Amino acid sequence: MTRILPKTILGKWSVRLNSFFLISMIISITLVKILRVFSFDDHWWDVTVPITFLASIIAFIVGLIAVIKKDRENSVLVYSSIIISVGLFIFIIFHSLFISD
């Protein structure tokens, strides 16, 4: 039976970390693009991106452990968290290969 909310501690942490990633990216992009308070060239962006990307990478690892472990976490939010992290990996790979700053 598939649930929406995770029941294991690892599943909950995976969802929380990726929620942190998504919320911080939405706030950051809103501050730069819509409100024009900051710029992508500012130092806060150099700190924000590694922290939030690291949170999503950890969410991926923790989510995989939650799914593979004996408990077999099968909630929709944990699978969504894993998919978001995979999307981030693809973005990082394509950004580093094809986009020169």
N, C-alpha and C. Protein backbone atom coordinates (compact mmCIF):
# COMPACT_ATOMS: atom_id res chain seq x y z
N MET A 1 0.84 -1.18 0.00
CA MET A 1 0.00 0.00 0.00
C MET A 1 0.89 1.25 0.00
N THR A 2 0.66 2.12 -0.92
CA THR A 2 1.45 3.33 -1.04
C THR A 2 0.82 4.46 -0.22
N ARG A 3 1.66 5.10 0.58
CA ARG A 3 1.22 6.23 1.39
C ARG A 3 1.80 7.52 0.82
N ILE A 4 1.23 8.64 1.26
CA ILE A 4 1.78 9.93 0.84
C ILE A 4 2.90 10.35 1.78
N LEU A 5 2.66 10.26 3.08
CA LEU A 5 3.65 10.69 4.07
C LEU A 5 4.57 9.55 4.46
N PRO A 6 5.87 9.85 4.68
CA PRO A 6 6.80 8.79 5.09
C PRO A 6 6.56 8.38 6.54
N LYS A 7 6.89 7.12 6.84
CA LYS A 7 6.71 6.64 8.20
C LYS A 7 8.04 6.43 8.92
N THR A 8 9.13 6.26 8.19
CA THR A 8 10.42 6.04 8.83
C THR A 8 11.14 7.37 9.07
N ILE A 9 12.08 7.34 9.99
CA ILE A 9 12.86 8.55 10.30
C ILE A 9 13.68 8.98 9.09
N LEU A 10 14.29 8.01 8.40
CA LEU A 10 15.10 8.34 7.23
C LEU A 10 14.24 8.94 6.12
N GLY A 11 13.06 8.40 5.92
CA GLY A 11 12.15 8.95 4.92
C GLY A 11 11.74 10.38 5.24
N LYS A 12 11.47 10.64 6.52
CA LYS A 12 11.09 11.99 6.93
C LYS A 12 12.25 12.96 6.73
N TRP A 13 13.47 12.53 7.04
CA TRP A 13 14.62 13.41 6.84
C TRP A 13 14.86 13.70 5.36
N SER A 14 14.65 12.71 4.52
CA SER A 14 14.81 12.93 3.08
C SER A 14 13.84 13.99 2.58
N VAL A 15 12.60 13.90 3.01
CA VAL A 15 11.59 14.87 2.58
C VAL A 15 11.90 16.25 3.16
N ARG A 16 12.32 16.31 4.41
CA ARG A 16 12.64 17.61 5.04
C ARG A 16 13.81 18.29 4.35
N LEU A 17 14.86 17.53 4.04
CA LEU A 17 16.03 18.12 3.41
C LEU A 17 15.71 18.63 2.01
N ASN A 18 14.94 17.89 1.26
CA ASN A 18 14.59 18.37 -0.07
C ASN A 18 13.58 19.50 -0.01
N SER A 19 12.75 19.54 1.01
CA SER A 19 11.86 20.68 1.20
C SER A 19 12.68 21.93 1.49
N PHE A 20 13.71 21.79 2.33
CA PHE A 20 14.63 22.90 2.59
C PHE A 20 15.27 23.37 1.30
N PHE A 21 15.72 22.44 0.47
CA PHE A 21 16.34 22.78 -0.81
C PHE A 21 15.37 23.57 -1.68
N LEU A 22 14.16 23.06 -1.85
CA LEU A 22 13.19 23.73 -2.72
C LEU A 22 12.78 25.10 -2.19
N ILE A 23 12.51 25.20 -0.91
CA ILE A 23 12.09 26.47 -0.33
C ILE A 23 13.20 27.51 -0.42
N SER A 24 14.43 27.12 -0.11
CA SER A 24 15.53 28.08 -0.17
C SER A 24 15.82 28.52 -1.61
N MET A 25 15.68 27.62 -2.57
CA MET A 25 15.89 28.01 -3.96
C MET A 25 14.77 28.94 -4.44
N ILE A 26 13.54 28.67 -4.05
CA ILE A 26 12.42 29.53 -4.44
C ILE A 26 12.59 30.92 -3.84
N ILE A 27 12.96 30.99 -2.56
CA ILE A 27 13.17 32.29 -1.91
C ILE A 27 14.34 33.03 -2.57
N SER A 28 15.43 32.32 -2.84
CA SER A 28 16.60 32.96 -3.45
C SER A 28 16.29 33.51 -4.83
N ILE A 29 15.64 32.73 -5.65
CA ILE A 29 15.32 33.18 -7.00
C ILE A 29 14.30 34.31 -6.96
N THR A 30 13.37 34.27 -6.02
CA THR A 30 12.41 35.36 -5.86
C THR A 30 13.12 36.65 -5.46
N LEU A 31 14.08 36.56 -4.54
CA LEU A 31 14.81 37.75 -4.12
C LEU A 31 15.64 38.36 -5.25
N VAL A 32 16.13 37.51 -6.16
CA VAL A 32 16.96 38.01 -7.25
C VAL A 32 16.12 38.46 -8.45
N LYS A 33 15.25 37.61 -8.92
CA LYS A 33 14.55 37.86 -10.17
C LYS A 33 13.31 38.75 -10.02
N ILE A 34 12.55 38.56 -8.95
CA ILE A 34 11.29 39.29 -8.82
C ILE A 34 11.46 40.56 -8.00
N LEU A 35 12.02 40.43 -6.81
CA LEU A 35 12.16 41.60 -5.92
C LEU A 35 13.41 42.42 -6.21
N ARG A 36 14.37 41.84 -6.91
CA ARG A 36 15.63 42.49 -7.27
C ARG A 36 16.37 43.08 -6.05
N VAL A 37 16.32 42.33 -4.95
CA VAL A 37 17.01 42.74 -3.73
C VAL A 37 18.48 42.35 -3.82
N PHE A 38 18.75 41.18 -4.36
CA PHE A 38 20.11 40.67 -4.48
C PHE A 38 20.43 40.41 -5.95
N SER A 39 21.67 40.01 -6.18
CA SER A 39 22.13 39.64 -7.51
C SER A 39 22.78 38.26 -7.41
N PHE A 40 22.82 37.55 -8.53
CA PHE A 40 23.48 36.25 -8.54
C PHE A 40 25.00 36.41 -8.39
N ASP A 41 25.52 37.61 -8.56
CA ASP A 41 26.96 37.86 -8.42
C ASP A 41 27.37 38.14 -6.98
N ASP A 42 26.40 38.29 -6.08
CA ASP A 42 26.71 38.57 -4.68
C ASP A 42 27.27 37.32 -3.99
N HIS A 43 27.94 37.55 -2.86
CA HIS A 43 28.56 36.44 -2.13
C HIS A 43 27.54 35.53 -1.44
N TRP A 44 26.36 36.02 -1.13
CA TRP A 44 25.36 35.18 -0.47
C TRP A 44 24.99 34.00 -1.37
N TRP A 45 25.02 34.20 -2.69
CA TRP A 45 24.68 33.13 -3.62
C TRP A 45 25.75 32.04 -3.58
N ASP A 46 27.01 32.44 -3.40
CA ASP A 46 28.11 31.47 -3.32
C ASP A 46 28.02 30.60 -2.07
N VAL A 47 27.34 31.07 -1.06
CA VAL A 47 27.15 30.30 0.17
C VAL A 47 25.85 29.49 0.10
N THR A 48 24.80 30.10 -0.43
CA THR A 48 23.48 29.46 -0.47
C THR A 48 23.47 28.21 -1.35
N VAL A 49 24.04 28.30 -2.52
CA VAL A 49 23.98 27.19 -3.47
C VAL A 49 24.66 25.92 -2.94
N PRO A 50 25.89 25.98 -2.45
CA PRO A 50 26.49 24.73 -1.95
C PRO A 50 25.73 24.12 -0.78
N ILE A 51 25.23 24.95 0.12
CA ILE A 51 24.51 24.42 1.28
C ILE A 51 23.22 23.74 0.83
N THR A 52 22.48 24.39 -0.04
CA THR A 52 21.20 23.80 -0.45
C THR A 52 21.40 22.60 -1.36
N PHE A 53 22.40 22.64 -2.24
CA PHE A 53 22.67 21.49 -3.08
C PHE A 53 23.13 20.30 -2.25
N LEU A 54 23.95 20.56 -1.24
CA LEU A 54 24.40 19.50 -0.35
C LEU A 54 23.21 18.88 0.40
N ALA A 55 22.26 19.71 0.80
CA ALA A 55 21.06 19.20 1.47
C ALA A 55 20.29 18.25 0.55
N SER A 56 20.19 18.60 -0.73
CA SER A 56 19.48 17.74 -1.66
C SER A 56 20.25 16.44 -1.94
N ILE A 57 21.55 16.52 -2.00
CA ILE A 57 22.35 15.31 -2.21
C ILE A 57 22.23 14.37 -1.01
N ILE A 58 22.27 14.92 0.20
CA ILE A 58 22.08 14.11 1.39
C ILE A 58 20.67 13.53 1.41
N ALA A 59 19.68 14.31 0.98
CA ALA A 59 18.31 13.82 0.91
C ALA A 59 18.21 12.62 -0.04
N PHE A 60 18.94 12.66 -1.13
CA PHE A 60 18.96 11.54 -2.07
C PHE A 60 19.52 10.28 -1.42
N ILE A 61 20.64 10.42 -0.75
CA ILE A 61 21.29 9.27 -0.11
C ILE A 61 20.39 8.70 0.98
N VAL A 62 19.87 9.58 1.83
CA VAL A 62 19.01 9.13 2.93
C VAL A 62 17.72 8.51 2.38
N GLY A 63 17.17 9.09 1.31
CA GLY A 63 15.97 8.52 0.69
C GLY A 63 16.20 7.14 0.12
N LEU A 64 17.34 6.97 -0.54
CA LEU A 64 17.67 5.64 -1.07
C LEU A 64 17.84 4.62 0.04
N ILE A 65 18.49 5.02 1.12
CA ILE A 65 18.65 4.10 2.25
C ILE A 65 17.28 3.73 2.81
N ALA A 66 16.39 4.71 2.91
CA ALA A 66 15.05 4.44 3.44
C ALA A 66 14.26 3.49 2.55
N VAL A 67 14.44 3.60 1.24
CA VAL A 67 13.71 2.73 0.32
C VAL A 67 14.31 1.33 0.27
N ILE A 68 15.63 1.24 0.29
CA ILE A 68 16.30 -0.06 0.14
C ILE A 68 16.33 -0.85 1.44
N LYS A 69 16.34 -0.16 2.56
CA LYS A 69 16.43 -0.82 3.86
C LYS A 69 15.28 -1.80 4.07
N LYS A 70 15.36 -2.61 5.11
CA LYS A 70 14.32 -3.60 5.41
C LYS A 70 12.93 -2.99 5.52
N ASP A 71 12.87 -1.77 6.05
CA ASP A 71 11.57 -1.13 6.26
C ASP A 71 10.84 -0.89 4.94
N ARG A 72 11.61 -0.69 3.89
CA ARG A 72 11.06 -0.44 2.56
C ARG A 72 10.06 0.70 2.57
N GLU A 73 10.58 1.87 2.80
CA GLU A 73 9.75 3.08 2.76
C GLU A 73 9.16 3.22 1.36
N ASN A 74 7.86 3.34 1.28
CA ASN A 74 7.23 3.43 -0.04
C ASN A 74 6.24 4.59 -0.13
N SER A 75 6.61 5.70 0.47
CA SER A 75 5.72 6.86 0.41
C SER A 75 6.00 7.69 -0.84
N VAL A 76 4.99 8.36 -1.30
CA VAL A 76 5.08 9.17 -2.51
C VAL A 76 6.09 10.31 -2.31
N LEU A 77 6.11 10.93 -1.14
CA LEU A 77 7.01 12.05 -0.91
C LEU A 77 8.48 11.63 -0.91
N VAL A 78 8.78 10.44 -0.44
CA VAL A 78 10.18 9.98 -0.47
C VAL A 78 10.61 9.72 -1.91
N TYR A 79 9.76 9.08 -2.69
CA TYR A 79 10.09 8.88 -4.10
C TYR A 79 10.20 10.22 -4.83
N SER A 80 9.36 11.17 -4.50
CA SER A 80 9.46 12.51 -5.10
C SER A 80 10.77 13.17 -4.71
N SER A 81 11.18 13.00 -3.47
CA SER A 81 12.44 13.56 -3.01
C SER A 81 13.62 12.97 -3.79
N ILE A 82 13.58 11.68 -4.02
CA ILE A 82 14.64 11.03 -4.80
C ILE A 82 14.65 11.55 -6.23
N ILE A 83 13.49 11.72 -6.82
CA ILE A 83 13.40 12.21 -8.20
C ILE A 83 13.92 13.64 -8.30
N ILE A 84 13.60 14.48 -7.32
CA ILE A 84 14.10 15.86 -7.32
C ILE A 84 15.63 15.85 -7.24
N SER A 85 16.18 14.99 -6.41
CA SER A 85 17.64 14.91 -6.28
C SER A 85 18.29 14.41 -7.55
N VAL A 86 17.67 13.46 -8.22
CA VAL A 86 18.21 12.97 -9.49
C VAL A 86 18.18 14.11 -10.52
N GLY A 87 17.11 14.89 -10.51
CA GLY A 87 17.04 16.05 -11.40
C GLY A 87 18.16 17.04 -11.10
N LEU A 88 18.49 17.21 -9.83
CA LEU A 88 19.59 18.09 -9.45
C LEU A 88 20.92 17.54 -9.97
N PHE A 89 21.13 16.22 -9.85
CA PHE A 89 22.36 15.61 -10.37
C PHE A 89 22.47 15.86 -11.88
N ILE A 90 21.38 15.67 -12.59
CA ILE A 90 21.39 15.90 -14.05
C ILE A 90 21.71 17.36 -14.35
N PHE A 91 21.11 18.28 -13.59
CA PHE A 91 21.40 19.70 -13.78
C PHE A 91 22.88 19.99 -13.55
N ILE A 92 23.44 19.46 -12.47
CA ILE A 92 24.85 19.72 -12.16
C ILE A 92 25.75 19.18 -13.27
N ILE A 93 25.47 17.99 -13.75
CA ILE A 93 26.28 17.39 -14.81
C ILE A 93 26.20 18.21 -16.08
N PHE A 94 24.98 18.55 -16.53
CA PHE A 94 24.84 19.30 -17.77
C PHE A 94 25.36 20.73 -17.63
N HIS A 95 25.21 21.31 -16.47
CA HIS A 95 25.72 22.66 -16.26
C HIS A 95 27.24 22.68 -16.34
N SER A 96 27.87 21.69 -15.73
CA SER A 96 29.33 21.67 -15.75
C SER A 96 29.90 21.26 -17.11
N LEU A 97 29.15 20.49 -17.88
CA LEU A 97 29.65 20.04 -19.18
C LEU A 97 29.41 21.05 -20.29
N PHE A 98 28.24 21.70 -20.30
CA PHE A 98 27.84 22.45 -21.47
C PHE A 98 27.73 23.96 -21.26
N ILE A 99 27.75 24.43 -20.03
CA ILE A 99 27.60 25.86 -19.79
C ILE A 99 28.90 26.40 -19.23
N SER A 100 29.45 27.38 -19.90
CA SER A 100 30.68 28.02 -19.37
C SER A 100 30.30 29.39 -18.83
N ASP A 101 30.70 29.65 -17.61
CA ASP A 101 30.38 30.94 -16.99
C ASP A 101 31.35 32.01 -17.37
